[in-house]
Amino acid sequence: MIDDVRFARLLTDYCLDVQPGQQVLVESSTLAAPLLLELQREILERDAWPLIRASLPGQAEGFWRAAGDRHLDGFPSSELAEAEAIDASLRIQATENANALAGVDPTRLSRAQRARSPLREVVLARRWAITLYPTAAAAQQAGMGTREFADFVTRALFLDREDPAAAWGELRTFQAGLIERLAPKREIHIQAEGTNLRLTVDGRTWINSDGKRNMPSGEVFTGPHETSAEGVIRFTIPTSPRGVVVEDVTLEFRQGRVVSAKAERGDAYLQATLDTDEGARYLGELGIGTNFGIDRPIGAILFDEKIGGTVHLAVGRSYPETGGTNESVVHWDMICDLRQGGTLSADGEVILRDGRFTSS
C-alpha cells in the first residue's frame, strides 16, 4: 500500500513548503484518514497550524440533492474568511464513488461554480496543491485491484524513488529544456487519427509544472492565442468531469471558437458545458504530458493529463501566468493520445512523435 509517511512529507515540504506559524487548510474525505493524520503530525512538527476538513462519504451527493437557490447562488461568509486567513491549502481527492455527481444537472453545477468564483480566486492567490489518495472506488474506476492501484499511484508520485523530491527536480530540469525549445516557436501543429489542429503561442509563457501544485504532475503548458485554433481535434482518452463519463470527443475550431462538437458518450454534458458562457468555447490551455510513470488513463484528470507522450487542451478559463486572457467558469482538460501514430510540431520541428520526445 502507499507509504503515508513519505507521502505526507512530500506534500508538506515539497508541495506546500510549510513554515512556522502558517495556517494550512487540508481538505479531503474520511477515506484519506491515514494520510490526514500523518499530515497533521508533519504540519505540527513544523510549528504550523493544521486545519483539517474531512467530509463524510455521501456528503457531496446529499448536498446537491438538497441545495436550493441560496446554495447555488452564493457561499457562506465563513468560507471566505477562512480562505483569506490561510497561508496554504491542500485538497486531496479520496472518493467512495467516482460517479456520485453523475446525476446532477450540469447547469446547477455551473451555476454554483460561477457564484463561488470570488472564493476560488482568493484560494488560488495563496500557495495551494492538489493530490489523490488511492481508494477502492478510484481503483475500480481505473480498472485495477486496490493494491495494484496503490502501487500505480506510488510510481506516479515518485514515492518509489529513493529521494522523491530530487526525482521531481530531475523532471523539472527536463521540462526546462523542453520549454527552451518551445519558447521561441510561433505555431503548434497537432496531428493524429481524426486530428489536424493548428494554433499559435508566440509571446505566451510556458509553465514548468513540476509537482509543486499538482501532485503528481509532469507537464509543460501555456495559453494559446484565443482566436488562433483552426482545425479538428479528437480526444480519445475519456474524462469524467464531476463524475460524468465523456468519451471520444471531437471538437472543430474556427478562429479559435468551437463551432462543432460531439461526444460518443456524454454528449449532453459536453453541449451543456460549451454553452455555459462564451469563454467555454475558446481554449484556455495547451499542455504536453511528460510523466512516463503514468502509462495509462485512470479516469482522474489530475493523472491522465500528465501521461507522458500525450497532449491536452482545455476549453474555458486561461491561467493568467501564461499570458492567456480567456475568461470562463469552465476549465475542462481533454486529452489527445499521440502514442500511436501522432505528432506535435512547433514551427515545423517535430517535438513529439508516437509519444516520445525527439532530441533537439
Protein backbone atom coordinates (compact mmCIF):
# COMPACT_ATOMS: atom_id res chain seq x y z
CA MET A 1 0.00 0.00 0.00
CA ILE A 2 1.02 3.65 -0.25
CA ASP A 3 3.53 4.95 2.29
CA ASP A 4 1.52 7.63 4.12
CA VAL A 5 4.55 8.96 6.00
CA ARG A 6 6.62 9.61 2.85
CA PHE A 7 3.54 10.95 1.07
CA ALA A 8 2.81 13.42 3.88
CA ARG A 9 6.40 14.64 3.95
CA LEU A 10 6.43 15.19 0.19
CA LEU A 11 3.23 17.23 0.40
CA THR A 12 4.29 19.21 3.47
CA ASP A 13 7.82 20.06 2.38
CA TYR A 14 7.98 19.89 -1.40
CA CYS A 15 4.47 20.99 -2.39
CA LEU A 16 3.47 23.39 0.39
CA ASP A 17 6.82 24.38 1.92
CA VAL A 18 5.14 24.74 5.33
CA GLN A 19 6.77 27.33 7.58
CA PRO A 20 6.38 28.04 11.33
CA GLY A 21 3.21 29.87 12.26
CA GLN A 22 1.43 29.27 8.96
CA GLN A 23 -2.19 28.15 8.77
CA VAL A 24 -2.57 25.19 6.39
CA LEU A 25 -6.02 24.09 5.23
CA VAL A 26 -6.25 20.38 4.33
CA GLU A 27 -9.47 19.13 2.70
CA SER A 28 -10.39 15.54 1.87
CA SER A 29 -12.83 12.80 2.84
CA THR A 30 -12.61 10.46 5.80
CA LEU A 31 -11.35 7.77 3.41
CA ALA A 32 -7.97 9.55 3.45
CA ALA A 33 -7.78 9.41 7.27
CA PRO A 34 -4.35 7.68 7.41
CA LEU A 35 -2.78 10.43 5.27
CA LEU A 36 -4.67 13.21 7.08
CA LEU A 37 -3.32 12.06 10.43
CA GLU A 38 0.24 11.98 9.08
CA LEU A 39 -0.21 15.45 7.57
CA GLN A 40 -1.46 16.77 10.90
CA ARG A 41 1.67 15.43 12.60
CA GLU A 42 4.04 16.76 9.91
CA ILE A 43 2.47 20.23 9.95
CA LEU A 44 2.53 20.40 13.74
CA GLU A 45 6.18 19.33 13.77
CA ARG A 46 6.92 22.33 11.55
CA ASP A 47 5.32 24.58 14.19
CA ALA A 48 2.39 25.41 11.91
CA TRP A 49 -1.39 25.09 12.27
CA PRO A 50 -3.14 22.15 10.51
CA LEU A 51 -6.79 22.93 9.66
CA ILE A 52 -8.18 19.50 8.77
CA ARG A 53 -11.53 19.42 6.96
CA ALA A 54 -12.73 15.84 6.34
CA SER A 55 -16.05 15.34 4.56
CA LEU A 56 -18.28 12.33 5.09
CA PRO A 57 -18.98 9.66 2.45
CA GLY A 58 -22.09 10.75 0.58
CA GLN A 59 -21.88 14.35 1.79
CA ALA A 60 -21.43 15.92 -1.65
CA GLU A 61 -24.20 13.84 -3.19
CA GLY A 62 -26.53 14.82 -0.37
CA PHE A 63 -25.64 18.50 -0.74
CA TRP A 64 -26.52 18.62 -4.43
CA ARG A 65 -29.77 16.74 -3.85
CA ALA A 66 -30.97 19.22 -1.22
CA ALA A 67 -29.31 22.51 -2.29
CA GLY A 68 -31.67 25.38 -3.02
CA ASP A 69 -31.26 28.72 -4.78
CA ARG A 70 -29.35 30.25 -1.85
CA HIS A 71 -26.76 27.46 -2.01
CA LEU A 72 -26.37 27.62 -5.79
CA ASP A 73 -26.03 31.40 -5.96
CA GLY A 74 -23.72 32.09 -3.02
CA PHE A 75 -21.45 30.67 -0.36
CA PRO A 76 -21.11 31.10 3.41
CA SER A 77 -19.12 34.12 4.54
CA SER A 78 -17.18 31.90 6.95
CA GLU A 79 -15.59 30.10 4.00
CA LEU A 80 -14.35 33.37 2.57
CA ALA A 81 -12.99 34.46 5.95
CA GLU A 82 -11.08 31.21 6.30
CA ALA A 83 -9.75 31.41 2.73
CA GLU A 84 -8.47 34.93 3.39
CA ALA A 85 -6.76 33.85 6.62
CA ILE A 86 -4.91 30.73 5.48
CA ASP A 87 -1.37 30.65 4.08
CA ALA A 88 -1.69 27.45 2.06
CA SER A 89 -4.28 24.85 1.12
CA LEU A 90 -4.20 21.21 0.11
CA ARG A 91 -7.06 19.29 -1.49
CA ILE A 92 -6.88 15.50 -1.51
CA GLN A 93 -9.23 13.59 -3.80
CA ALA A 94 -10.37 10.46 -1.93
CA THR A 95 -13.63 9.25 -3.37
CA GLU A 96 -16.02 6.49 -2.35
CA ASN A 97 -17.88 6.81 -5.67
CA ALA A 98 -16.26 8.49 -8.66
CA ASN A 99 -19.69 8.88 -10.30
CA ALA A 100 -21.51 10.29 -7.27
CA LEU A 101 -22.45 13.52 -9.09
CA ALA A 102 -23.25 11.95 -12.45
CA GLY A 103 -26.98 12.55 -11.95
CA VAL A 104 -26.67 16.21 -11.02
CA ASP A 105 -27.89 18.68 -13.65
CA PRO A 106 -24.69 20.26 -15.08
CA THR A 107 -26.38 23.66 -15.20
CA ARG A 108 -26.73 23.54 -11.39
CA LEU A 109 -23.04 22.71 -11.05
CA SER A 110 -22.03 25.53 -13.41
CA ARG A 111 -24.33 27.97 -11.62
CA ALA A 112 -22.71 27.21 -8.26
CA GLN A 113 -19.22 27.32 -9.74
CA ARG A 114 -19.93 30.77 -11.15
CA ALA A 115 -21.19 32.01 -7.78
CA ARG A 116 -18.13 30.66 -5.95
CA SER A 117 -15.68 32.30 -8.34
CA PRO A 118 -14.63 35.04 -5.84
CA LEU A 119 -13.86 32.38 -3.24
CA ARG A 120 -11.84 30.34 -5.74
CA GLU A 121 -9.75 33.35 -6.71
CA VAL A 122 -8.83 34.00 -3.06
CA VAL A 123 -7.69 30.39 -2.62
CA LEU A 124 -5.66 30.39 -5.85
CA ALA A 125 -3.89 33.59 -4.82
CA ARG A 126 -2.23 31.65 -1.98
CA ARG A 127 0.00 28.61 -2.08
CA TRP A 128 -2.08 25.56 -2.99
CA ALA A 129 -1.74 21.96 -4.05
CA ILE A 130 -3.99 19.09 -5.07
CA THR A 131 -3.39 15.35 -4.96
CA LEU A 132 -5.18 12.00 -4.87
CA TYR A 133 -5.37 9.29 -2.23
CA PRO A 134 -5.94 5.74 -3.52
CA THR A 135 -9.33 4.33 -2.55
CA ALA A 136 -11.20 1.20 -3.58
CA ALA A 137 -13.58 3.30 -5.70
CA ALA A 138 -10.71 5.01 -7.53
CA ALA A 139 -9.07 1.63 -8.12
CA GLN A 140 -12.32 0.27 -9.54
CA GLN A 141 -12.67 3.27 -11.86
CA ALA A 142 -9.10 2.69 -13.04
CA GLY A 143 -9.82 -0.98 -13.70
CA MET A 144 -7.24 -2.15 -11.17
CA GLY A 145 -7.09 -4.05 -7.94
CA THR A 146 -6.74 -1.96 -4.79
CA ARG A 147 -3.09 -2.87 -4.15
CA GLU A 148 -2.21 -2.57 -7.85
CA PHE A 149 -3.72 0.91 -7.91
CA ALA A 150 -1.83 1.98 -4.78
CA ASP A 151 1.41 0.84 -6.45
CA PHE A 152 0.45 2.77 -9.59
CA VAL A 153 -0.14 5.96 -7.56
CA THR A 154 3.17 5.41 -5.75
CA ARG A 155 5.06 5.33 -9.07
CA ALA A 156 3.21 8.36 -10.42
CA LEU A 157 4.14 10.37 -7.32
CA PHE A 158 7.78 9.18 -7.49
CA LEU A 159 7.36 7.77 -3.98
CA ASP A 160 9.12 4.63 -5.20
CA ARG A 161 12.30 6.67 -5.70
CA GLU A 162 14.97 6.95 -3.02
CA ASP A 163 14.51 10.73 -2.88
CA PRO A 164 11.10 11.73 -4.34
CA ALA A 165 11.81 15.47 -4.15
CA ALA A 166 15.07 15.00 -6.06
CA ALA A 167 13.22 12.95 -8.69
CA TRP A 168 10.80 15.82 -9.18
CA GLY A 169 13.80 18.12 -9.54
CA GLU A 170 15.12 15.91 -12.35
CA LEU A 171 11.80 16.15 -14.18
CA ARG A 172 11.81 19.92 -13.66
CA THR A 173 15.19 20.09 -15.39
CA PHE A 174 13.96 18.03 -18.35
CA GLN A 175 10.88 20.22 -18.67
CA ALA A 176 13.00 23.37 -18.53
CA GLY A 177 14.89 22.09 -21.58
CA LEU A 178 11.61 21.36 -23.34
CA ILE A 179 10.41 24.89 -22.65
CA GLU A 180 13.64 26.27 -24.12
CA ARG A 181 12.73 24.50 -27.37
CA LEU A 182 9.13 25.70 -27.33
CA ALA A 183 9.51 29.30 -26.12
CA PRO A 184 10.69 30.83 -29.42
CA LYS A 185 8.11 28.97 -31.52
CA ARG A 186 5.03 30.54 -33.01
CA GLU A 187 2.75 27.76 -34.27
CA ILE A 188 1.86 24.39 -32.77
CA HIS A 189 0.55 21.69 -35.11
CA ILE A 190 -1.08 18.56 -33.66
CA GLN A 191 -1.73 15.57 -35.92
CA ALA A 192 -3.21 12.15 -35.18
CA GLU A 193 -6.08 9.99 -36.35
CA GLY A 194 -9.07 12.34 -36.59
CA THR A 195 -6.88 15.30 -35.58
CA ASN A 196 -5.36 18.15 -37.58
CA LEU A 197 -5.20 21.29 -35.47
CA ARG A 198 -3.05 24.41 -35.61
CA LEU A 199 -2.81 27.16 -33.01
CA THR A 200 -0.39 29.97 -32.16
CA VAL A 201 1.51 30.51 -28.93
CA ASP A 202 4.05 33.22 -29.75
CA GLY A 203 4.56 35.67 -26.91
CA ARG A 204 2.86 33.34 -24.43
CA THR A 205 4.65 31.89 -21.39
CA TRP A 206 5.25 28.15 -20.98
CA ILE A 207 4.90 26.92 -17.39
CA ASN A 208 7.07 24.18 -15.88
CA SER A 209 4.60 22.12 -13.82
CA ASP A 210 6.87 20.12 -11.53
CA GLY A 211 4.63 18.80 -8.76
CA LYS A 212 4.52 21.91 -6.60
CA ARG A 213 0.79 22.37 -7.22
CA ASN A 214 -0.40 19.20 -8.90
CA MET A 215 0.93 16.05 -7.26
CA PRO A 216 1.57 14.14 -9.39
CA SER A 217 2.48 16.49 -12.19
CA GLY A 218 4.64 16.24 -15.25
CA GLU A 219 3.61 18.71 -17.93
CA VAL A 220 4.52 21.97 -19.57
CA PHE A 221 1.62 24.21 -20.51
CA THR A 222 0.72 27.58 -21.93
CA GLY A 223 -2.28 29.62 -23.03
CA PRO A 224 -2.75 29.62 -26.82
CA HIS A 225 -3.89 32.79 -28.56
CA GLU A 226 -7.62 32.85 -28.04
CA THR A 227 -8.68 33.20 -31.70
CA SER A 228 -5.91 31.10 -33.26
CA ALA A 229 -7.16 27.49 -33.15
CA GLU A 230 -8.07 26.17 -36.59
CA GLY A 231 -9.00 22.62 -37.47
CA VAL A 232 -10.24 19.48 -35.75
CA ILE A 233 -9.03 17.53 -32.74
CA ARG A 234 -10.19 14.19 -31.39
CA PHE A 235 -9.81 13.33 -27.71
CA THR A 236 -9.79 9.54 -27.38
CA ILE A 237 -8.97 9.30 -23.67
CA PRO A 238 -12.21 9.50 -21.64
CA THR A 239 -12.66 12.18 -18.99
CA SER A 240 -15.01 12.20 -16.01
CA PRO A 241 -15.71 15.81 -15.01
CA ARG A 242 -17.78 15.79 -11.81
CA GLY A 243 -18.33 12.06 -12.25
CA VAL A 244 -19.93 12.28 -15.71
CA VAL A 245 -18.13 9.99 -18.15
CA VAL A 246 -17.46 11.69 -21.50
CA GLU A 247 -15.83 9.61 -24.24
CA ASP A 248 -14.43 10.13 -27.74
CA VAL A 249 -14.88 13.89 -28.10
CA THR A 250 -14.31 15.68 -31.41
CA LEU A 251 -14.08 19.48 -31.50
CA GLU A 252 -13.87 21.66 -34.60
CA PHE A 253 -12.39 25.16 -34.24
CA ARG A 254 -12.72 28.20 -36.46
CA GLN A 255 -10.93 31.41 -35.44
CA GLY A 256 -10.37 29.89 -32.01
CA ARG A 257 -14.02 29.08 -31.33
CA VAL A 258 -15.62 25.64 -31.07
CA VAL A 259 -18.12 25.58 -33.94
CA SER A 260 -18.91 21.88 -33.84
CA ALA A 261 -18.67 19.33 -31.03
CA LYS A 262 -19.73 15.77 -30.43
CA ALA A 263 -19.07 13.02 -27.92
CA GLU A 264 -19.87 9.36 -28.41
CA ARG A 265 -20.81 9.20 -24.74
CA GLY A 266 -21.81 12.10 -22.52
CA ASP A 267 -22.72 14.39 -25.43
CA ALA A 268 -25.45 16.19 -23.47
CA TYR A 269 -22.90 17.14 -20.80
CA LEU A 270 -20.45 18.32 -23.48
CA GLN A 271 -23.03 20.55 -25.17
CA ALA A 272 -24.27 21.99 -21.87
CA THR A 273 -20.73 22.78 -20.73
CA LEU A 274 -19.83 24.53 -24.00
CA ASP A 275 -22.96 26.66 -23.60
CA THR A 276 -22.10 27.68 -20.01
CA ASP A 277 -20.70 31.03 -21.15
CA GLU A 278 -18.99 32.47 -24.22
CA GLY A 279 -15.50 31.70 -22.97
CA ALA A 280 -16.31 27.99 -22.69
CA ARG A 281 -16.00 27.66 -26.47
CA TYR A 282 -12.44 29.01 -26.57
CA LEU A 283 -9.20 27.42 -25.45
CA GLY A 284 -7.59 28.33 -22.15
CA GLU A 285 -4.70 25.87 -22.10
CA LEU A 286 -2.40 23.71 -24.19
CA GLY A 287 -0.40 21.15 -22.21
CA ILE A 288 2.13 18.41 -23.01
CA GLY A 289 2.37 15.40 -20.69
CA THR A 290 5.85 14.29 -19.57
CA ASN A 291 5.25 11.83 -16.70
CA PHE A 292 6.10 8.37 -18.02
CA GLY A 293 5.37 6.93 -14.57
CA ILE A 294 1.73 7.34 -15.64
CA ASP A 295 1.33 4.91 -18.52
CA ARG A 296 -2.45 4.57 -18.74
CA PRO A 297 -5.58 6.63 -18.04
CA ILE A 298 -7.37 6.04 -14.74
CA GLY A 299 -10.35 8.37 -15.07
CA ALA A 300 -8.80 11.13 -12.92
CA ILE A 301 -7.71 14.17 -14.91
CA LEU A 302 -5.06 15.02 -12.31
CA PHE A 303 -3.20 11.93 -13.53
CA ASP A 304 -4.45 11.42 -17.08
CA GLU A 305 -3.40 14.81 -18.46
CA LYS A 306 0.17 14.11 -17.31
CA ILE A 307 0.56 10.83 -19.26
CA GLY A 308 3.93 11.00 -20.99
CA GLY A 309 3.52 11.40 -24.75
CA THR A 310 0.04 12.94 -24.74
CA VAL A 311 -1.20 16.46 -25.31
CA HIS A 312 -4.21 18.09 -23.69
CA LEU A 313 -6.29 21.15 -24.41
CA ALA A 314 -8.67 22.86 -22.01
CA VAL A 315 -11.73 24.76 -23.09
CA GLY A 316 -12.54 27.69 -20.86
CA ARG A 317 -10.56 29.72 -18.37
CA SER A 318 -6.92 30.62 -19.06
CA TYR A 319 -4.18 30.71 -16.46
CA PRO A 320 -3.08 34.37 -16.28
CA GLU A 321 0.57 33.39 -15.71
CA THR A 322 0.68 32.03 -19.26
CA GLY A 323 -0.48 35.30 -20.77
CA GLY A 324 -3.84 33.78 -21.68
CA THR A 325 -6.84 36.08 -21.41
CA ASN A 326 -9.86 33.80 -21.89
CA GLU A 327 -12.42 34.07 -19.10
CA SER A 328 -14.93 31.39 -18.17
CA VAL A 329 -16.16 29.47 -15.14
CA VAL A 330 -15.25 26.34 -17.14
CA HIS A 331 -11.79 24.80 -17.32
CA TRP A 332 -12.10 21.33 -18.84
CA ASP A 333 -8.98 19.42 -19.86
CA MET A 334 -9.34 16.86 -22.66
CA ILE A 335 -6.56 14.53 -23.77
CA CYS A 336 -5.33 13.65 -27.26
CA ASP A 337 -3.20 10.49 -27.29
CA LEU A 338 -0.16 10.78 -29.57
CA ARG A 339 1.45 7.49 -28.53
CA GLN A 340 0.29 5.55 -31.59
CA GLY A 341 0.81 7.50 -34.77
CA GLY A 342 0.60 11.10 -33.60
CA THR A 343 2.90 14.12 -33.73
CA LEU A 344 3.20 17.54 -32.15
CA SER A 345 5.28 20.02 -34.14
CA ALA A 346 6.40 23.56 -33.37
CA ASP A 347 7.15 25.73 -36.40
CA GLY A 348 7.68 22.53 -38.37
CA GLU A 349 10.06 20.93 -35.85
CA VAL A 350 8.70 17.63 -34.52
CA ILE A 351 8.72 17.73 -30.71
CA LEU A 352 6.69 14.57 -30.06
CA ARG A 353 6.40 11.56 -32.34
CA ASP A 354 4.47 8.43 -31.36
CA GLY A 355 4.52 9.53 -27.73
CA ARG A 356 8.29 10.07 -27.49
CA PHE A 357 10.16 13.34 -27.32
CA THR A 358 12.64 13.94 -30.11
CA SER A 359 16.11 15.29 -29.43
CA SER A 360 16.67 18.98 -30.10
